[in-house]
Amino acid sequence: MKAEAWIFAICTLFFVVVAPAYWFITYDPTGTSALVMTTLLAALVTFYLGVHARRMGPGGGRPEDRKDAEISEGAGELGFFPPYSWWPLWCGATLGLCVFGIAMEAWWLLIIGTGLGAVAVCGWIYEYYVGEHAH
């Protein structure tokens, strides 16, 4: 994670230089505050990656961080990637129904959308406990 921390550190330094320069050139408070918040966000990510890089030890815990690492050390399972799912579609549709109900002041649509949304969220959460992909 040392390489990633350095990349974000460079971005942080860039925004530290750009934010005051933008203020003195334009006197725009909106853009300046956005650049300051971007600077703080980049600094937060830099700090997080730097702390975890130090916790992994002097040689680095990942093969990507060591110069003497072999390609085969990075082999293996990369993680769990879920198969297709229809539940995000239904969650989005019910959210759209809720927003439409609020926009049109049809509160009954909001109530129906909230009920259907609860069903859709429960279906999305528990989809790996029933059916074809059950564990």
Protein backbone atom coordinates (compact mmCIF):
# COMPACT_ATOMS: atom_id res chain seq x y z
CA MET A 1 0.00 0.00 0.00
CA LYS A 2 3.02 2.25 0.03
CA ALA A 3 2.68 3.06 -3.66
CA GLU A 4 -0.97 3.98 -3.26
CA ALA A 5 -0.16 6.17 -0.25
CA TRP A 6 2.49 8.03 -2.24
CA ILE A 7 0.09 8.61 -5.13
CA PHE A 8 -2.49 10.14 -2.80
CA ALA A 9 0.22 12.14 -1.01
CA ILE A 10 1.21 13.71 -4.33
CA CYS A 11 -2.45 14.49 -5.03
CA THR A 12 -2.77 16.06 -1.58
CA LEU A 13 0.26 18.28 -2.18
CA PHE A 14 -1.15 19.29 -5.56
CA PHE A 15 -4.44 20.38 -4.00
CA VAL A 16 -2.63 22.16 -1.16
CA VAL A 17 -0.94 24.31 -3.80
CA VAL A 18 -3.97 24.72 -6.09
CA ALA A 19 -6.62 25.68 -3.47
CA PRO A 20 -4.98 28.95 -2.30
CA ALA A 21 -3.90 29.80 -5.84
CA TYR A 22 -7.50 29.38 -7.00
CA TRP A 23 -8.71 31.65 -4.20
CA PHE A 24 -6.24 34.45 -4.99
CA ILE A 25 -6.99 34.28 -8.71
CA THR A 26 -10.81 34.07 -8.62
CA TYR A 27 -12.02 34.94 -5.08
CA ASP A 28 -14.70 32.30 -5.61
CA PRO A 29 -15.75 30.84 -2.24
CA THR A 30 -17.62 27.87 -3.73
CA GLY A 31 -14.78 26.52 -5.85
CA THR A 32 -12.25 27.22 -3.13
CA SER A 33 -14.26 25.32 -0.53
CA ALA A 34 -14.63 22.41 -2.96
CA LEU A 35 -10.85 22.36 -3.48
CA VAL A 36 -10.24 22.52 0.27
CA MET A 37 -12.61 19.60 0.84
CA THR A 38 -10.86 17.68 -1.97
CA THR A 39 -7.54 18.38 -0.24
CA LEU A 40 -8.88 17.05 3.06
CA LEU A 41 -10.32 13.96 1.38
CA ALA A 42 -7.02 13.18 -0.35
CA ALA A 43 -5.20 13.71 2.96
CA LEU A 44 -7.61 11.33 4.70
CA VAL A 45 -7.00 8.60 2.13
CA THR A 46 -3.24 9.21 2.33
CA PHE A 47 -3.31 8.87 6.10
CA TYR A 48 -5.40 5.68 5.95
CA LEU A 49 -3.17 3.99 3.37
CA GLY A 50 0.00 5.12 5.14
CA VAL A 51 -1.14 3.72 8.50
CA HIS A 52 -2.04 0.38 6.97
CA ALA A 53 1.23 0.24 5.03
CA ARG A 54 3.14 0.68 8.31
CA ARG A 55 1.06 -1.99 10.05
CA MET A 56 1.98 -4.54 7.39
CA GLY A 57 5.59 -4.51 8.45
CA PRO A 58 8.89 -3.26 7.05
CA GLY A 59 8.87 -5.55 4.00
CA GLY A 60 5.20 -5.03 3.27
CA GLY A 61 2.54 -7.66 3.66
CA ARG A 62 1.54 -7.74 0.02
CA PRO A 63 3.68 -9.09 -2.79
CA GLU A 64 3.04 -5.85 -4.69
CA ASP A 65 4.95 -3.90 -2.02
CA ARG A 66 8.11 -6.03 -2.03
CA LYS A 67 10.86 -5.82 -4.63
CA ASP A 68 11.89 -9.47 -4.16
CA ALA A 69 8.37 -10.90 -4.63
CA GLU A 70 7.56 -13.53 -7.22
CA ILE A 71 4.52 -13.44 -9.50
CA SER A 72 3.29 -16.72 -8.04
CA GLU A 73 2.99 -15.14 -4.59
CA GLY A 74 0.09 -13.04 -5.84
CA ALA A 75 -1.86 -16.06 -7.09
CA GLY A 76 -4.90 -17.44 -5.36
CA GLU A 77 -8.46 -16.50 -4.64
CA LEU A 78 -9.11 -12.79 -5.05
CA GLY A 79 -12.44 -12.66 -3.30
CA PHE A 80 -16.13 -13.38 -3.60
CA PHE A 81 -17.89 -11.97 -6.65
CA PRO A 82 -21.66 -12.42 -6.54
CA PRO A 83 -23.59 -13.69 -9.56
CA TYR A 84 -26.33 -11.72 -11.25
CA SER A 85 -29.14 -10.34 -9.13
CA TRP A 86 -32.48 -8.73 -9.90
CA TRP A 87 -32.86 -7.21 -6.44
CA PRO A 88 -30.96 -3.97 -7.15
CA LEU A 89 -33.42 -3.28 -9.97
CA TRP A 90 -36.39 -3.65 -7.62
CA CYS A 91 -34.68 -1.53 -4.93
CA GLY A 92 -34.12 1.23 -7.48
CA ALA A 93 -37.67 0.98 -8.79
CA THR A 94 -39.16 1.29 -5.31
CA LEU A 95 -36.90 4.24 -4.53
CA GLY A 96 -38.09 5.87 -7.75
CA LEU A 97 -41.69 5.22 -6.68
CA CYS A 98 -41.02 6.83 -3.29
CA VAL A 99 -39.38 9.90 -4.83
CA PHE A 100 -42.21 10.22 -7.35
CA GLY A 101 -44.73 10.00 -4.54
CA ILE A 102 -42.98 12.80 -2.64
CA ALA A 103 -42.64 14.98 -5.76
CA MET A 104 -46.31 14.63 -6.66
CA GLU A 105 -47.44 14.89 -3.03
CA ALA A 106 -49.13 11.52 -3.42
CA TRP A 107 -48.29 10.20 0.03
CA TRP A 108 -50.06 6.94 -0.65
CA LEU A 109 -47.39 6.20 -3.31
CA LEU A 110 -44.69 6.85 -0.72
CA ILE A 111 -46.32 4.37 1.66
CA ILE A 112 -46.64 1.70 -1.05
CA GLY A 113 -43.06 2.34 -2.21
CA THR A 114 -41.74 2.08 1.34
CA GLY A 115 -43.48 -1.26 1.85
CA LEU A 116 -42.26 -2.65 -1.47
CA GLY A 117 -38.80 -1.21 -0.77
CA ALA A 118 -38.61 -3.07 2.53
CA VAL A 119 -39.44 -6.30 0.71
CA ALA A 120 -36.84 -5.55 -1.99
CA VAL A 121 -34.09 -4.73 0.53
CA CYS A 122 -34.84 -7.91 2.51
CA GLY A 123 -34.74 -9.91 -0.71
CA TRP A 124 -31.39 -8.40 -1.62
CA ILE A 125 -29.93 -9.06 1.82
CA TYR A 126 -31.15 -12.65 2.07
CA GLU A 127 -30.69 -13.73 -1.55
CA TYR A 128 -27.77 -16.02 -0.63
CA TYR A 129 -29.80 -17.89 1.98
CA VAL A 130 -32.55 -19.20 -0.33
CA GLY A 131 -32.85 -20.40 -3.89
CA GLU A 132 -30.18 -21.27 -6.42
CA HIS A 133 -27.22 -19.53 -4.73
CA ALA A 134 -27.97 -20.60 -1.14
CA HIS A 135 -24.99 -21.34 1.08
